[in-house]
């Protein structure tokens, strides 16, 4: 009887571990999809950054030769965002949205 109980306990442990792996795998896939969809074209697709410097690094990496026009601070759904308006090297005016909630208004 003890052997059967121990066997059932081991089986339920293995089942619990395998279902946990599936959940975390699904969560990882969800996070990857979210990152891929963040192109900065809107509040919902804002680039998440940890500093103002990171905003300009992202801009330099993704739009080499850009010319800055202006930067504005906005709030959307109770979160702070920087919107950078610039001209691409081809002369096209664009806005890129950055989610700055990781650092804005926090003491260092």
PDB file of N, CA and C in Angstrom:
ATOM      1  N   UNK A   1       0.826  -1.193   0.000  1.00  0.00           N
ATOM      2  CA  UNK A   1       0.000   0.000   0.000  1.00  0.00           C
ATOM      3  C   UNK A   1       0.870   1.256   0.000  1.00  0.00           C
ATOM      4  N   UNK A   2       1.941   1.256   0.804  1.00  0.00           N
ATOM      5  CA  UNK A   2       2.832   2.409   0.852  1.00  0.00           C
ATOM      6  C   UNK A   2       3.512   2.623  -0.497  1.00  0.00           C
ATOM      7  N   UNK A   3       3.853   1.515  -1.170  1.00  0.00           N
ATOM      8  CA  UNK A   3       4.507   1.634  -2.478  1.00  0.00           C
ATOM      9  C   UNK A   3       3.567   2.269  -3.502  1.00  0.00           C
ATOM     10  N   UNK A   4       2.298   1.930  -3.447  1.00  0.00           N
ATOM     11  CA  UNK A   4       1.320   2.497  -4.374  1.00  0.00           C
ATOM     12  C   UNK A   4       1.148   3.995  -4.100  1.00  0.00           C
ATOM     13  N   UNK A   5       1.058   4.356  -2.822  1.00  0.00           N
ATOM     14  CA  UNK A   5       0.906   5.763  -2.460  1.00  0.00           C
ATOM     15  C   UNK A   5       2.122   6.568  -2.906  1.00  0.00           C
ATOM     16  N   UNK A   6       3.318   6.013  -2.704  1.00  0.00           N
ATOM     17  CA  UNK A   6       4.553   6.684  -3.119  1.00  0.00           C
ATOM     18  C   UNK A   6       4.606   6.819  -4.637  1.00  0.00           C
ATOM     19  N   UNK A   7       4.192   5.773  -5.340  1.00  0.00           N
ATOM     20  CA  UNK A   7       4.165   5.805  -6.798  1.00  0.00           C
ATOM     21  C   UNK A   7       3.213   6.894  -7.300  1.00  0.00           C
ATOM     22  N   UNK A   8       2.017   6.968  -6.715  1.00  0.00           N
ATOM     23  CA  UNK A   8       1.035   7.982  -7.120  1.00  0.00           C
ATOM     24  C   UNK A   8       1.536   9.392  -6.811  1.00  0.00           C
ATOM     25  N   UNK A   9       2.220   9.535  -5.687  1.00  0.00           N
ATOM     26  CA  UNK A   9       2.797  10.831  -5.332  1.00  0.00           C
ATOM     27  C   UNK A   9       3.842  11.258  -6.355  1.00  0.00           C
ATOM     28  N   UNK A  10       4.696  10.325  -6.753  1.00  0.00           N
ATOM     29  CA  UNK A  10       5.725  10.624  -7.778  1.00  0.00           C
ATOM     30  C   UNK A  10       5.088  10.996  -9.110  1.00  0.00           C
ATOM     31  N   UNK A  11       4.071  10.271  -9.501  1.00  0.00           N
ATOM     32  CA  UNK A  11       3.385  10.549 -10.773  1.00  0.00           C
ATOM     33  C   UNK A  11       2.759  11.943 -10.732  1.00  0.00           C
ATOM     34  N   UNK A  12       2.069  12.277  -9.632  1.00  0.00           N
ATOM     35  CA  UNK A  12       1.435  13.599  -9.559  1.00  0.00           C
ATOM     36  C   UNK A  12       2.482  14.712  -9.538  1.00  0.00           C
ATOM     37  N   UNK A  13       3.644  14.467  -8.930  1.00  0.00           N
ATOM     38  CA  UNK A  13       4.720  15.448  -8.943  1.00  0.00           C
ATOM     39  C   UNK A  13       5.228  15.671 -10.365  1.00  0.00           C
ATOM     40  N   UNK A  14       5.435  14.598 -11.102  1.00  0.00           N
ATOM     41  CA  UNK A  14       5.914  14.713 -12.488  1.00  0.00           C
ATOM     42  C   UNK A  14       4.903  15.437 -13.368  1.00  0.00           C
ATOM     43  N   UNK A  15       3.637  15.161 -13.183  1.00  0.00           N
ATOM     44  CA  UNK A  15       2.588  15.833 -13.957  1.00  0.00           C
ATOM     45  C   UNK A  15       2.578  17.321 -13.639  1.00  0.00           C
ATOM     46  N   UNK A  16       2.692  17.653 -12.361  1.00  0.00           N
ATOM     47  CA  UNK A  16       2.698  19.070 -11.954  1.00  0.00           C
ATOM     48  C   UNK A  16       3.901  19.789 -12.547  1.00  0.00           C
ATOM     49  N   UNK A  17       5.056  19.156 -12.533  1.00  0.00           N
ATOM     50  CA  UNK A  17       6.262  19.790 -13.091  1.00  0.00           C
ATOM     51  C   UNK A  17       6.133  19.996 -14.592  1.00  0.00           C
ATOM     52  N   UNK A  18       5.596  19.025 -15.289  1.00  0.00           N
ATOM     53  CA  UNK A  18       5.487  19.162 -16.740  1.00  0.00           C
ATOM     54  C   UNK A  18       4.477  20.231 -17.123  1.00  0.00           C
ATOM     55  N   UNK A  19       3.390  20.391 -16.378  1.00  0.00           N
ATOM     56  CA  UNK A  19       2.409  21.426 -16.713  1.00  0.00           C
ATOM     57  C   UNK A  19       2.973  22.806 -16.403  1.00  0.00           C
ATOM     58  N   UNK A  20       3.829  22.931 -15.376  1.00  0.00           N
ATOM     59  CA  UNK A  20       4.466  24.208 -15.072  1.00  0.00           C
ATOM     60  C   UNK A  20       5.383  24.623 -16.205  1.00  0.00           C
ATOM     61  N   UNK A  21       6.104  23.669 -16.779  1.00  0.00           N
ATOM     62  CA  UNK A  21       6.994  23.990 -17.901  1.00  0.00           C
ATOM     63  C   UNK A  21       6.199  24.522 -19.086  1.00  0.00           C
ATOM     64  N   UNK A  22       5.040  23.928 -19.344  1.00  0.00           N
ATOM     65  CA  UNK A  22       4.221  24.392 -20.461  1.00  0.00           C
ATOM     66  C   UNK A  22       3.736  25.811 -20.241  1.00  0.00           C
ATOM     67  N   UNK A  23       3.358  26.148 -19.013  1.00  0.00           N
ATOM     68  CA  UNK A  23       2.875  27.495 -18.721  1.00  0.00           C
ATOM     69  C   UNK A  23       3.989  28.500 -18.929  1.00  0.00           C
ATOM     70  N   UNK A  24       5.180  28.215 -18.375  1.00  0.00           N
ATOM     71  CA  UNK A  24       6.265  29.182 -18.527  1.00  0.00           C
ATOM     72  C   UNK A  24       6.703  29.283 -19.984  1.00  0.00           C
ATOM     73  N   UNK A  25       6.617  28.203 -20.726  1.00  0.00           N
ATOM     74  CA  UNK A  25       6.939  28.251 -22.146  1.00  0.00           C
ATOM     75  C   UNK A  25       5.940  29.142 -22.885  1.00  0.00           C
ATOM     76  N   UNK A  26       4.654  29.010 -22.537  1.00  0.00           N
ATOM     77  CA  UNK A  26       3.629  29.857 -23.145  1.00  0.00           C
ATOM     78  C   UNK A  26       3.862  31.319 -22.783  1.00  0.00           C
ATOM     79  N   UNK A  27       4.241  31.577 -21.519  1.00  0.00           N
ATOM     80  CA  UNK A  27       4.525  32.948 -21.095  1.00  0.00           C
ATOM     81  C   UNK A  27       5.709  33.510 -21.864  1.00  0.00           C
ATOM     82  N   UNK A  28       6.742  32.703 -22.066  1.00  0.00           N
ATOM     83  CA  UNK A  28       7.918  33.162 -22.823  1.00  0.00           C
ATOM     84  C   UNK A  28       7.540  33.510 -24.249  1.00  0.00           C
ATOM     85  N   UNK A  29       6.737  32.657 -24.872  1.00  0.00           N
ATOM     86  CA  UNK A  29       6.297  32.928 -26.242  1.00  0.00           C
ATOM     87  C   UNK A  29       5.488  34.213 -26.305  1.00  0.00           C
ATOM     88  N   UNK A  30       4.646  34.446 -25.306  1.00  0.00           N
ATOM     89  CA  UNK A  30       3.841  35.659 -25.258  1.00  0.00           C
ATOM     90  C   UNK A  30       4.732  36.893 -25.144  1.00  0.00           C
ATOM     91  N   UNK A  31       5.754  36.826 -24.285  1.00  0.00           N
ATOM     92  CA  UNK A  31       6.672  37.954 -24.124  1.00  0.00           C
ATOM     93  C   UNK A  31       7.451  38.208 -25.406  1.00  0.00           C
ATOM     94  N   UNK A  32       7.862  37.152 -26.092  1.00  0.00           N
ATOM     95  CA  UNK A  32       8.589  37.316 -27.355  1.00  0.00           C
ATOM     96  C   UNK A  32       7.699  37.992 -28.385  1.00  0.00           C
ATOM     97  N   UNK A  33       6.442  37.581 -28.490  1.00  0.00           N
ATOM     98  CA  UNK A  33       5.520  38.195 -29.432  1.00  0.00           C
ATOM     99  C   UNK A  33       5.315  39.668 -29.100  1.00  0.00           C
ATOM    100  N   UNK A  34       5.228  39.978 -27.800  1.00  0.00           N
ATOM    101  CA  UNK A  34       5.039  41.369 -27.378  1.00  0.00           C
ATOM    102  C   UNK A  34       6.231  42.214 -27.786  1.00  0.00           C
ATOM    103  N   UNK A  35       7.423  41.696 -27.603  1.00  0.00           N
ATOM    104  CA  UNK A  35       8.635  42.446 -27.965  1.00  0.00           C
ATOM    105  C   UNK A  35       8.686  42.669 -29.465  1.00  0.00           C
ATOM    106  N   UNK A  36       8.358  41.649 -30.233  1.00  0.00           N
ATOM    107  CA  UNK A  36       8.396  41.760 -31.688  1.00  0.00           C
ATOM    108  C   UNK A  36       7.405  42.813 -32.167  1.00  0.00           C
ATOM    109  N   UNK A  37       6.262  42.923 -31.531  1.00  0.00           N
ATOM    110  CA  UNK A  37       5.225  43.850 -31.955  1.00  0.00           C
ATOM    111  C   UNK A  37       5.492  45.282 -31.506  1.00  0.00           C
ATOM    112  N   UNK A  38       6.468  45.529 -30.656  1.00  0.00           N
ATOM    113  CA  UNK A  38       6.766  46.875 -30.150  1.00  0.00           C
ATOM    114  C   UNK A  38       7.688  47.597 -31.134  1.00  0.00           C
ATOM    115  N   UNK A  39       7.073  48.356 -32.030  1.00  0.00           N
ATOM    116  CA  UNK A  39       7.866  49.103 -33.017  1.00  0.00           C
ATOM    117  C   UNK A  39       7.860  50.601 -32.747  1.00  0.00           C
ATOM    118  N   UNK A  40       7.176  51.044 -31.671  1.00  0.00           N
ATOM    119  CA  UNK A  40       7.152  52.453 -31.314  1.00  0.00           C
ATOM    120  C   UNK A  40       6.174  53.292 -32.110  1.00  0.00           C
ATOM    121  N   UNK A  41       5.309  52.663 -32.872  1.00  0.00           N
ATOM    122  CA  UNK A  41       4.394  53.402 -33.750  1.00  0.00           C
ATOM    123  C   UNK A  41       3.152  53.948 -33.031  1.00  0.00           C
ATOM    124  N   UNK A  42       2.936  53.526 -31.775  1.00  0.00           N
ATOM    125  CA  UNK A  42       1.755  53.980 -31.029  1.00  0.00           C
ATOM    126  C   UNK A  42       2.017  53.772 -29.539  1.00  0.00           C
ATOM    127  N   UNK A  43       1.079  54.243 -28.712  1.00  0.00           N
ATOM    128  CA  UNK A  43       1.191  54.005 -27.277  1.00  0.00           C
ATOM    129  C   UNK A  43       1.215  52.498 -26.990  1.00  0.00           C
ATOM    130  N   UNK A  44       0.340  51.770 -27.642  1.00  0.00           N
ATOM    131  CA  UNK A  44       0.242  50.333 -27.410  1.00  0.00           C
ATOM    132  C   UNK A  44       1.494  49.582 -27.851  1.00  0.00           C
ATOM    133  N   UNK A  45       2.222  50.121 -28.803  1.00  0.00           N
ATOM    134  CA  UNK A  45       3.429  49.464 -29.321  1.00  0.00           C
ATOM    135  C   UNK A  45       4.700  50.214 -28.924  1.00  0.00           C
ATOM    136  N   UNK A  46       4.599  50.990 -27.832  1.00  0.00           N
ATOM    137  CA  UNK A  46       5.730  51.814 -27.401  1.00  0.00           C
ATOM    138  C   UNK A  46       6.939  50.959 -27.031  1.00  0.00           C
ATOM    139  N   UNK A  47       8.110  51.490 -27.321  1.00  0.00           N
ATOM    140  CA  UNK A  47       9.366  50.846 -26.960  1.00  0.00           C
ATOM    141  C   UNK A  47       9.578  51.073 -25.461  1.00  0.00           C
ATOM    142  N   UNK A  48       9.813  50.010 -24.714  1.00  0.00           N
ATOM    143  CA  UNK A  48      10.044  50.123 -23.281  1.00  0.00           C
ATOM    144  C   UNK A  48      11.531  50.391 -23.060  1.00  0.00           C
ATOM    145  N   UNK A  49      11.828  51.500 -22.374  1.00  0.00           N
ATOM    146  CA  UNK A  49      13.224  51.870 -22.122  1.00  0.00           C
ATOM    147  C   UNK A  49      13.438  52.118 -20.629  1.00  0.00           C
ATOM    148  N   UNK A  50      14.721  52.133 -20.243  1.00  0.00           N
ATOM    149  CA  UNK A  50      15.072  52.349 -18.838  1.00  0.00           C
ATOM    150  C   UNK A  50      15.758  53.686 -18.610  1.00  0.00           C
ATOM    151  N   UNK A  51      15.947  54.468 -19.679  1.00  0.00           N
ATOM    152  CA  UNK A  51      16.560  55.789 -19.535  1.00  0.00           C
ATOM    153  C   UNK A  51      16.305  56.604 -20.805  1.00  0.00           C
ATOM    154  N   UNK A  52      16.502  57.914 -20.669  1.00  0.00           N
ATOM    155  CA  UNK A  52      16.379  58.781 -21.845  1.00  0.00           C
ATOM    156  C   UNK A  52      17.473  58.449 -22.847  1.00  0.00           C
ATOM    157  N   UNK A  53      18.670  58.153 -22.336  1.00  0.00           N
ATOM    158  CA  UNK A  53      19.772  57.793 -23.224  1.00  0.00           C
ATOM    159  C   UNK A  53      19.410  56.583 -24.087  1.00  0.00           C
ATOM    160  N   UNK A  54      18.675  55.633 -23.502  1.00  0.00           N
ATOM    161  CA  UNK A  54      18.265  54.443 -24.252  1.00  0.00           C
ATOM    162  C   UNK A  54      17.339  54.804 -25.412  1.00  0.00           C
ATOM    163  N   UNK A  55      16.529  55.836 -25.240  1.00  0.00           N
ATOM    164  CA  UNK A  55      15.657  56.290 -26.325  1.00  0.00           C
ATOM    165  C   UNK A  55      16.495  56.716 -27.532  1.00  0.00           C
ATOM    166  N   UNK A  56      17.503  57.539 -27.276  1.00  0.00           N
ATOM    167  CA  UNK A  56      18.332  58.049 -28.368  1.00  0.00           C
ATOM    168  C   UNK A  56      19.235  56.968 -28.960  1.00  0.00           C
ATOM    169  N   UNK A  57      19.653  56.030 -28.135  1.00  0.00           N
ATOM    170  CA  UNK A  57      20.427  54.898 -28.659  1.00  0.00           C
ATOM    171  C   UNK A  57      19.562  54.071 -29.600  1.00  0.00           C
ATOM    172  N   UNK A  58      18.307  53.835 -29.196  1.00  0.00           N
ATOM    173  CA  UNK A  58      17.387  53.066 -30.041  1.00  0.00           C
ATOM    174  C   UNK A  58      17.166  53.801 -31.356  1.00  0.00           C
ATOM    175  N   UNK A  59      16.953  55.110 -31.264  1.00  0.00           N
ATOM    176  CA  UNK A  59      16.701  55.917 -32.460  1.00  0.00           C
ATOM    177  C   UNK A  59      17.902  55.893 -33.403  1.00  0.00           C
ATOM    178  N   UNK A  60      19.105  56.034 -32.846  1.00  0.00           N
ATOM    179  CA  UNK A  60      20.327  56.017 -33.661  1.00  0.00           C
ATOM    180  C   UNK A  60      20.517  54.666 -34.342  1.00  0.00           C
ATOM    181  N   UNK A  61      20.211  53.598 -33.608  1.00  0.00           N
ATOM    182  CA  UNK A  61      20.375  52.251 -34.155  1.00  0.00           C
ATOM    183  C   UNK A  61      19.357  51.954 -35.254  1.00  0.00           C
ATOM    184  N   UNK A  62      18.124  52.423 -35.063  1.00  0.00           N
ATOM    185  CA  UNK A  62      17.055  52.090 -36.004  1.00  0.00           C
ATOM    186  C   UNK A  62      16.830  53.116 -37.104  1.00  0.00           C
ATOM    187  N   UNK A  63      17.287  54.350 -36.898  1.00  0.00           N
ATOM    188  CA  UNK A  63      17.132  55.413 -37.891  1.00  0.00           C
ATOM    189  C   UNK A  63      18.432  56.211 -38.007  1.00  0.00           C
ATOM    190  N   UNK A  64      19.492  55.579 -38.500  1.00  0.00           N
ATOM    191  CA  UNK A  64      20.768  56.310 -38.618  1.00  0.00           C
ATOM    192  C   UNK A  64      20.603  57.538 -39.509  1.00  0.00           C
ATOM    193  N   UNK A  65      21.231  58.629 -39.090  1.00  0.00           N
ATOM    194  CA  UNK A  65      21.164  59.856 -39.865  1.00  0.00           C
ATOM    195  C   UNK A  65      19.910  60.675 -39.613  1.00  0.00           C
ATOM    196  N   UNK A  66      19.143  60.347 -38.566  1.00  0.00           N
ATOM    197  CA  UNK A  66      17.915  61.085 -38.279  1.00  0.00           C
ATOM    198  C   UNK A  66      18.240  62.504 -37.818  1.00  0.00           C
ATOM    199  N   UNK A  67      17.266  63.400 -37.939  1.00  0.00           N
ATOM    200  CA  UNK A  67      17.375  64.777 -37.442  1.00  0.00           C
ATOM    201  C   UNK A  67      16.239  64.996 -36.454  1.00  0.00           C
ATOM    202  N   UNK A  68      16.604  65.300 -35.221  1.00  0.00           N
ATOM    203  CA  UNK A  68      15.617  65.489 -34.156  1.00  0.00           C
ATOM    204  C   UNK A  68      14.816  66.762 -34.388  1.00  0.00           C
ATOM    205  N   UNK A  69      13.502  66.666 -34.208  1.00  0.00           N
ATOM    206  CA  UNK A  69      12.624  67.832 -34.301  1.00  0.00           C
ATOM    207  C   UNK A  69      12.178  68.247 -32.896  1.00  0.00           C
ATOM    208  N   UNK A  70      11.608  67.299 -32.130  1.00  0.00           N
ATOM    209  CA  UNK A  70      11.177  67.635 -30.771  1.00  0.00           C
ATOM    210  C   UNK A  70      10.936  66.374 -29.954  1.00  0.00           C
ATOM    211  N   UNK A  71      10.878  66.572 -28.652  1.00  0.00           N
ATOM    212  CA  UNK A  71      10.557  65.498 -27.709  1.00  0.00           C
ATOM    213  C   UNK A  71       9.436  65.998 -26.819  1.00  0.00           C
ATOM    214  N   UNK A  72       8.422  65.175 -26.612  1.00  0.00           N
ATOM    215  CA  UNK A  72       7.328  65.587 -25.734  1.00  0.00           C
ATOM    216  C   UNK A  72       7.010  64.491 -24.731  1.00  0.00           C
ATOM    217  N   UNK A  73       6.568  64.918 -23.570  1.00  0.00           N
ATOM    218  CA  UNK A  73       6.164  64.012 -22.500  1.00  0.00           C
ATOM    219  C   UNK A  73       4.642  63.976 -22.481  1.00  0.00           C
ATOM    220  N   UNK A  74       4.084  62.777 -22.530  1.00  0.00           N
ATOM    221  CA  UNK A  74       2.632  62.604 -22.528  1.00  0.00           C
ATOM    222  C   UNK A  74       2.243  61.512 -21.549  1.00  0.00           C
ATOM    223  N   UNK A  75       0.972  61.532 -21.157  1.00  0.00           N
ATOM    224  CA  UNK A  75       0.441  60.478 -20.305  1.00  0.00           C
ATOM    225  C   UNK A  75      -0.680  59.785 -21.060  1.00  0.00           C
ATOM    226  N   UNK A  76      -0.670  58.457 -20.999  1.00  0.00           N
ATOM    227  CA  UNK A  76      -1.705  57.663 -21.659  1.00  0.00           C
ATOM    228  C   UNK A  76      -2.026  56.489 -20.744  1.00  0.00           C
ATOM    229  N   UNK A  77      -3.287  56.353 -20.389  1.00  0.00           N
ATOM    230  CA  UNK A  77      -3.735  55.306 -19.467  1.00  0.00           C
ATOM    231  C   UNK A  77      -2.883  55.290 -18.196  1.00  0.00           C
ATOM    232  N   UNK A  78      -2.659  56.486 -17.668  1.00  0.00           N
ATOM    233  CA  UNK A  78      -1.938  56.701 -16.409  1.00  0.00           C
ATOM    234  C   UNK A  78      -0.483  56.239 -16.438  1.00  0.00           C
ATOM    235  N   UNK A  79       0.119  56.191 -17.627  1.00  0.00           N
ATOM    236  CA  UNK A  79       1.532  55.852 -17.767  1.00  0.00           C
ATOM    237  C   UNK A  79       2.233  56.965 -18.541  1.00  0.00           C
ATOM    238  N   UNK A  80       3.488  57.271 -18.188  1.00  0.00           N
ATOM    239  CA  UNK A  80       4.213  58.321 -18.904  1.00  0.00           C
ATOM    240  C   UNK A  80       4.887  57.783 -20.176  1.00  0.00           C
ATOM    241  N   UNK A  81       4.866  58.619 -21.202  1.00  0.00           N
ATOM    242  CA  UNK A  81       5.483  58.268 -22.481  1.00  0.00           C
ATOM    243  C   UNK A  81       6.258  59.468 -23.009  1.00  0.00           C
ATOM    244  N   UNK A  82       7.395  59.198 -23.616  1.00  0.00           N
ATOM    245  CA  UNK A  82       8.098  60.200 -24.412  1.00  0.00           C
ATOM    246  C   UNK A  82       7.751  59.931 -25.861  1.00  0.00           C
ATOM    247  N   UNK A  83       7.440  60.991 -26.581  1.00  0.00           N
ATOM    248  CA  UNK A  83       7.227  60.866 -28.023  1.00  0.00           C
ATOM    249  C   UNK A  83       8.303  61.699 -28.694  1.00  0.00           C
ATOM    250  N   UNK A  84       9.142  61.037 -29.480  1.00  0.00           N
ATOM    251  CA  UNK A  84      10.194  61.729 -30.203  1.00  0.00           C
ATOM    252  C   UNK A  84       9.747  61.938 -31.640  1.00  0.00           C
ATOM    253  N   UNK A  85       9.773  63.180 -32.070  1.00  0.00           N
ATOM    254  CA  UNK A  85       9.442  63.526 -33.446  1.00  0.00           C
ATOM    255  C   UNK A  85      10.746  63.861 -34.143  1.00  0.00           C
ATOM    256  N   UNK A  86      10.965  63.251 -35.287  1.00  0.00           N
ATOM    257  CA  UNK A  86      12.237  63.414 -36.000  1.00  0.00           C
ATOM    258  C   UNK A  86      12.016  63.228 -37.493  1.00  0.00           C
ATOM    259  N   UNK A  87      13.041  63.570 -38.258  1.00  0.00           N
ATOM    260  CA  UNK A  87      13.035  63.290 -39.696  1.00  0.00           C
ATOM    261  C   UNK A  87      14.045  62.187 -39.961  1.00  0.00           C
ATOM    262  N   UNK A  88      13.627  61.224 -40.756  1.00  0.00           N
ATOM    263  CA  UNK A  88      14.535  60.145 -41.136  1.00  0.00           C
ATOM    264  C   UNK A  88      15.584  60.703 -42.094  1.00  0.00           C
ATOM    265  N   UNK A  89      16.587  59.926 -42.382  1.00  0.00           N
ATOM    266  CA  UNK A  89      17.621  60.340 -43.327  1.00  0.00           C
ATOM    267  C   UNK A  89      17.018  60.637 -44.704  1.00  0.00           C
ATOM    268  N   UNK A  90      15.869  60.025 -45.004  1.00  0.00           N
ATOM    269  CA  UNK A  90      15.166  60.263 -46.270  1.00  0.00           C
ATOM    270  C   UNK A  90      14.254  61.484 -46.220  1.00  0.00           C
ATOM    271  N   UNK A  91      14.194  62.168 -45.049  1.00  0.00           N
ATOM    272  CA  UNK A  91      13.384  63.366 -44.917  1.00  0.00           C
ATOM    273  C   UNK A  91      11.938  63.132 -44.521  1.00  0.00           C
ATOM    274  N   UNK A  92      11.600  61.921 -44.091  1.00  0.00           N
ATOM    275  CA  UNK A  92      10.234  61.608 -43.677  1.00  0.00           C
ATOM    276  C   UNK A  92      10.080  61.897 -42.186  1.00  0.00           C
ATOM    277  N   UNK A  93       9.047  62.677 -41.830  1.00  0.00           N
ATOM    278  CA  UNK A  93       8.809  62.983 -40.427  1.00  0.00           C
ATOM    279  C   UNK A  93       8.092  61.816 -39.751  1.00  0.00           C
ATOM    280  N   UNK A  94       8.604  61.418 -38.574  1.00  0.00           N
ATOM    281  CA  UNK A  94       8.050  60.276 -37.841  1.00  0.00           C
ATOM    282  C   UNK A  94       7.944  60.583 -36.365  1.00  0.00           C
ATOM    283  N   UNK A  95       7.059  59.877 -35.699  1.00  0.00           N
ATOM    284  CA  UNK A  95       6.945  59.882 -34.241  1.00  0.00           C
ATOM    285  C   UNK A  95       7.248  58.478 -33.745  1.00  0.00           C
ATOM    286  N   UNK A  96       8.041  58.397 -32.682  1.00  0.00           N
ATOM    287  CA  UNK A  96       8.290  57.118 -32.026  1.00  0.00           C
ATOM    288  C   UNK A  96       7.900  57.265 -30.562  1.00  0.00           C
ATOM    289  N   UNK A  97       7.135  56.311 -30.068  1.00  0.00           N
ATOM    290  CA  UNK A  97       6.636  56.323 -28.699  1.00  0.00           C
ATOM    291  C   UNK A  97       7.523  55.447 -27.812  1.00  0.00           C
ATOM    292  N   UNK A  98       7.893  55.991 -26.638  1.00  0.00           N
ATOM    293  CA  UNK A  98       8.698  55.264 -25.671  1.00  0.00           C
ATOM    294  C   UNK A  98       7.963  55.219 -24.335  1.00  0.00           C
ATOM    295  N   UNK A  99       7.822  54.024 -23.791  1.00  0.00           N
ATOM    296  CA  UNK A  99       7.246  53.832 -22.463  1.00  0.00           C
ATOM    297  C   UNK A  99       8.363  54.088 -21.456  1.00  0.00           C
ATOM    298  N   UNK A 100       8.227  55.149 -20.651  1.00  0.00           N
ATOM    299  CA  UNK A 100       9.284  55.527 -19.711  1.00  0.00           C
ATOM    300  C   UNK A 100       8.864  55.268 -18.255  1.00  0.00           C
ATOM    301  N   UNK A 101       7.859  54.439 -18.065  1.00  0.00           N
ATOM    302  CA  UNK A 101       7.342  54.187 -16.710  1.00  0.00           C
ATOM    303  C   UNK A 101       8.344  53.461 -15.812  1.00  0.00           C
ATOM    304  N   UNK A 102       9.358  52.824 -16.391  1.00  0.00           N
ATOM    305  CA  UNK A 102      10.372  52.145 -15.579  1.00  0.00           C
ATOM    306  C   UNK A 102      11.211  53.115 -14.759  1.00  0.00           C
ATOM    307  N   UNK A 103      11.327  54.361 -15.219  1.00  0.00           N
ATOM    308  CA  UNK A 103      12.210  55.286 -14.510  1.00  0.00           C
ATOM    309  C   UNK A 103      11.600  56.656 -14.241  1.00  0.00           C
ATOM    310  N   UNK A 104      10.613  57.080 -14.992  1.00  0.00           N
ATOM    311  CA  UNK A 104      10.087  58.431 -14.858  1.00  0.00           C
ATOM    312  C   UNK A 104       9.415  58.631 -13.498  1.00  0.00           C
ATOM    313  N   UNK A 105       9.812  59.708 -12.802  1.00  0.00           N
ATOM    314  CA  UNK A 105       9.214  60.049 -11.526  1.00  0.00           C
ATOM    315  C   UNK A 105       9.703  59.229 -10.350  1.00  0.00           C
ATOM    316  N   UNK A 106      10.727  58.431 -10.578  1.00  0.00           N
ATOM    317  CA  UNK A 106      11.254  57.596  -9.494  1.00  0.00           C
ATOM    318  C   UNK A 106      12.561  58.184  -9.001  1.00  0.00           C
ATOM    319  N   UNK A 107      12.768  58.091  -7.712  1.00  0.00           N
ATOM    320  CA  UNK A 107      13.999  58.600  -7.116  1.00  0.00           C
ATOM    321  C   UNK A 107      15.122  57.615  -7.325  1.00  0.00           C
ATOM    322  N   UNK A 108      16.309  58.136  -7.467  1.00  0.00           N
ATOM    323  CA  UNK A 108      17.487  57.272  -7.651  1.00  0.00           C
ATOM    324  C   UNK A 108      18.318  57.240  -6.411  1.00  0.00           C
TER     325      UNK A 108
END
